[in-house]
Structure formats: C-alpha cells, structure tokens
C-alpha cells in the first residue's frame, strides 16, 4: 500500500534529499520546504521505498499537495 507525503504548509521546495527508488525509514528527512524564510523539514511517515517524487526543487507548493509517494 502506498503512503502520500503531503505539504503541511505553503512554501517553496528548497531541497529534495531523496530520489525515486531510495529506501527510507520512518522519520528520515525527505525534503526541505522554505516558508517565511524558515526551513521546514519533511519527514517520512512510514518505512518504504520512494515510488514517486511529484515536485521539483524550486516549485511552489500548497497545503495538502502531494510531494512524495512511498510504497
């Protein structure tokens, strides 16, 4: 079953720290969003494999937008 990682707030994708196919563990840092000049890390909610990355560095994202899918 896949798990969607969504944006908790509006911001800009500053850095993506994983790539498709990477194995991740619960609470591994996946990416960093920049909002209001602050860096907000996004963590893996489950163990699994990164199936898809739905955004690119520099993209503007909105709350609840899907960022990464983990299988």
N, C-alpha and C. Protein backbone atom coordinates (compact mmCIF):
# COMPACT_ATOMS: atom_id res chain seq x y z
N UNK A 1 0.84 -1.18 0.00
CA UNK A 1 0.00 0.00 0.00
C UNK A 1 0.89 1.25 0.00
N UNK A 2 0.49 2.27 -0.72
CA UNK A 2 1.33 3.47 -0.80
C UNK A 2 0.85 4.55 0.18
N UNK A 3 1.79 5.37 0.58
CA UNK A 3 1.54 6.46 1.53
C UNK A 3 1.92 7.76 0.85
N UNK A 4 0.99 8.72 0.84
CA UNK A 4 1.28 10.03 0.26
C UNK A 4 1.86 10.95 1.32
N UNK A 5 2.96 11.59 0.99
CA UNK A 5 3.55 12.61 1.86
C UNK A 5 3.08 13.95 1.30
N UNK A 6 2.38 14.73 2.13
CA UNK A 6 1.81 15.98 1.66
C UNK A 6 2.47 17.18 2.35
N UNK A 7 2.32 18.33 1.72
CA UNK A 7 2.88 19.57 2.28
C UNK A 7 2.04 20.02 3.47
N UNK A 8 2.68 20.31 4.60
CA UNK A 8 1.93 20.78 5.77
C UNK A 8 1.57 22.26 5.67
N UNK A 9 2.24 22.99 4.77
CA UNK A 9 2.02 24.43 4.65
C UNK A 9 2.44 24.89 3.26
N UNK A 10 2.07 26.12 2.92
CA UNK A 10 2.52 26.72 1.66
C UNK A 10 4.01 27.02 1.75
N UNK A 11 4.70 26.84 0.67
CA UNK A 11 6.12 27.16 0.66
C UNK A 11 6.76 26.77 -0.65
N UNK A 12 8.07 26.88 -0.68
CA UNK A 12 8.85 26.55 -1.87
C UNK A 12 9.71 25.34 -1.55
N UNK A 13 9.77 24.39 -2.49
CA UNK A 13 10.64 23.23 -2.31
C UNK A 13 12.07 23.72 -2.43
N UNK A 14 12.79 23.70 -1.32
CA UNK A 14 14.15 24.22 -1.30
C UNK A 14 15.16 23.14 -1.67
N UNK A 15 15.00 21.93 -1.11
CA UNK A 15 15.96 20.86 -1.36
C UNK A 15 15.25 19.51 -1.26
N UNK A 16 15.45 18.64 -2.24
CA UNK A 16 14.95 17.27 -2.20
C UNK A 16 16.13 16.38 -1.84
N UNK A 17 15.98 15.59 -0.78
CA UNK A 17 17.09 14.81 -0.24
C UNK A 17 17.06 13.34 -0.63
N UNK A 18 16.02 12.91 -1.34
CA UNK A 18 15.90 11.51 -1.77
C UNK A 18 15.64 11.47 -3.27
N UNK A 19 15.75 10.27 -3.84
CA UNK A 19 15.39 10.11 -5.25
C UNK A 19 14.50 8.88 -5.38
N UNK A 20 13.82 8.78 -6.49
CA UNK A 20 12.93 7.63 -6.71
C UNK A 20 13.74 6.34 -6.61
N UNK A 21 13.18 5.36 -5.89
CA UNK A 21 13.85 4.08 -5.71
C UNK A 21 14.59 3.97 -4.38
N UNK A 22 14.82 5.11 -3.70
CA UNK A 22 15.51 5.08 -2.41
C UNK A 22 14.66 4.39 -1.35
N UNK A 23 15.31 3.63 -0.49
CA UNK A 23 14.65 3.07 0.69
C UNK A 23 14.73 4.11 1.79
N UNK A 24 13.61 4.34 2.48
CA UNK A 24 13.59 5.30 3.58
C UNK A 24 13.02 4.64 4.83
N UNK A 25 13.41 5.17 5.96
CA UNK A 25 12.91 4.70 7.25
C UNK A 25 12.00 5.77 7.83
N UNK A 26 11.13 5.36 8.73
CA UNK A 26 10.25 6.29 9.44
C UNK A 26 11.08 7.44 10.01
N UNK A 27 10.64 8.66 9.74
CA UNK A 27 11.25 9.90 10.21
C UNK A 27 12.56 10.28 9.52
N UNK A 28 12.93 9.59 8.41
CA UNK A 28 14.04 10.08 7.60
C UNK A 28 13.62 11.41 6.97
N UNK A 29 14.57 12.32 6.82
CA UNK A 29 14.28 13.61 6.19
C UNK A 29 14.21 13.41 4.68
N UNK A 30 13.10 13.82 4.08
CA UNK A 30 12.88 13.63 2.65
C UNK A 30 13.18 14.88 1.83
N UNK A 31 12.77 16.02 2.37
CA UNK A 31 12.97 17.28 1.66
C UNK A 31 12.84 18.43 2.64
N UNK A 32 13.19 19.61 2.15
CA UNK A 32 13.08 20.81 2.97
C UNK A 32 12.24 21.83 2.21
N UNK A 33 11.20 22.33 2.88
CA UNK A 33 10.38 23.40 2.33
C UNK A 33 10.81 24.71 2.97
N UNK A 34 10.84 25.76 2.19
CA UNK A 34 11.13 27.08 2.73
C UNK A 34 9.82 27.87 2.77
N UNK A 35 9.50 28.37 3.95
CA UNK A 35 8.30 29.19 4.12
C UNK A 35 8.64 30.30 5.10
N UNK A 36 8.35 31.52 4.72
CA UNK A 36 8.61 32.69 5.57
C UNK A 36 10.07 32.71 6.06
N UNK A 37 10.99 32.43 5.15
CA UNK A 37 12.44 32.44 5.43
C UNK A 37 12.88 31.38 6.45
N UNK A 38 12.04 30.40 6.70
CA UNK A 38 12.39 29.31 7.61
C UNK A 38 12.43 28.00 6.83
N UNK A 39 13.36 27.12 7.20
CA UNK A 39 13.44 25.80 6.59
C UNK A 39 12.59 24.83 7.40
N UNK A 40 11.70 24.13 6.71
CA UNK A 40 10.79 23.18 7.34
C UNK A 40 11.05 21.79 6.78
N UNK A 41 11.70 20.90 7.56
CA UNK A 41 11.97 19.56 7.06
C UNK A 41 10.68 18.73 6.94
N UNK A 42 10.64 17.91 5.93
CA UNK A 42 9.53 16.98 5.71
C UNK A 42 10.08 15.58 5.95
N UNK A 43 9.44 14.83 6.84
CA UNK A 43 9.93 13.51 7.25
C UNK A 43 9.06 12.39 6.70
N UNK A 44 9.66 11.21 6.55
CA UNK A 44 8.93 10.03 6.09
C UNK A 44 7.96 9.58 7.18
N UNK A 45 6.68 9.39 6.82
CA UNK A 45 5.70 8.94 7.80
C UNK A 45 5.73 7.42 8.03
N UNK A 46 6.41 6.70 7.14
CA UNK A 46 6.48 5.23 7.20
C UNK A 46 7.81 4.75 6.62
N UNK A 47 8.15 3.49 6.88
CA UNK A 47 9.27 2.84 6.20
C UNK A 47 8.80 2.48 4.79
N UNK A 48 9.70 2.48 3.82
CA UNK A 48 9.32 2.05 2.48
C UNK A 48 10.28 2.54 1.43
N UNK A 49 9.81 2.45 0.18
CA UNK A 49 10.61 2.86 -0.97
C UNK A 49 9.95 4.08 -1.61
N UNK A 50 10.76 5.05 -2.01
CA UNK A 50 10.24 6.24 -2.69
C UNK A 50 9.78 5.80 -4.08
N UNK A 51 8.46 5.83 -4.28
CA UNK A 51 7.89 5.39 -5.56
C UNK A 51 7.83 6.53 -6.56
N UNK A 52 7.55 7.75 -6.07
CA UNK A 52 7.42 8.89 -6.99
C UNK A 52 7.67 10.18 -6.23
N UNK A 53 8.32 11.10 -6.90
CA UNK A 53 8.51 12.45 -6.38
C UNK A 53 7.69 13.36 -7.29
N UNK A 54 6.70 14.04 -6.73
CA UNK A 54 5.72 14.79 -7.51
C UNK A 54 6.06 16.26 -7.67
N UNK A 55 7.18 16.71 -7.09
CA UNK A 55 7.58 18.11 -7.18
C UNK A 55 9.06 18.20 -7.53
N UNK A 56 9.51 19.38 -7.88
CA UNK A 56 10.92 19.61 -8.18
C UNK A 56 11.42 20.76 -7.31
N UNK A 57 12.73 20.82 -7.13
CA UNK A 57 13.31 21.92 -6.36
C UNK A 57 12.91 23.23 -7.02
N UNK A 58 12.47 24.19 -6.20
CA UNK A 58 12.05 25.48 -6.70
C UNK A 58 10.54 25.60 -6.89
N UNK A 59 9.82 24.46 -6.88
CA UNK A 59 8.37 24.50 -7.04
C UNK A 59 7.71 25.16 -5.83
N UNK A 60 6.65 25.90 -6.09
CA UNK A 60 5.81 26.46 -5.03
C UNK A 60 4.73 25.42 -4.73
N UNK A 61 4.50 25.09 -3.46
CA UNK A 61 3.50 24.09 -3.10
C UNK A 61 2.48 24.69 -2.14
N UNK A 62 1.32 24.07 -2.12
CA UNK A 62 0.21 24.49 -1.26
C UNK A 62 -0.06 23.41 -0.21
N UNK A 63 -0.72 23.76 0.89
CA UNK A 63 -1.03 22.76 1.91
C UNK A 63 -1.78 21.57 1.32
N UNK A 64 -1.43 20.38 1.77
CA UNK A 64 -2.04 19.11 1.36
C UNK A 64 -1.68 18.66 -0.05
N UNK A 65 -0.81 19.40 -0.74
CA UNK A 65 -0.34 18.96 -2.06
C UNK A 65 0.56 17.75 -1.87
N UNK A 66 0.40 16.73 -2.73
CA UNK A 66 1.23 15.53 -2.65
C UNK A 66 2.65 15.86 -3.11
N UNK A 67 3.63 15.53 -2.25
CA UNK A 67 5.03 15.79 -2.57
C UNK A 67 5.74 14.52 -3.02
N UNK A 68 5.53 13.44 -2.25
CA UNK A 68 6.23 12.18 -2.48
C UNK A 68 5.28 11.04 -2.19
N UNK A 69 5.41 9.94 -2.93
CA UNK A 69 4.65 8.73 -2.65
C UNK A 69 5.64 7.65 -2.23
N UNK A 70 5.35 7.03 -1.09
CA UNK A 70 6.19 5.95 -0.55
C UNK A 70 5.40 4.66 -0.60
N UNK A 71 6.03 3.60 -1.11
CA UNK A 71 5.39 2.27 -1.15
C UNK A 71 5.94 1.40 -0.05
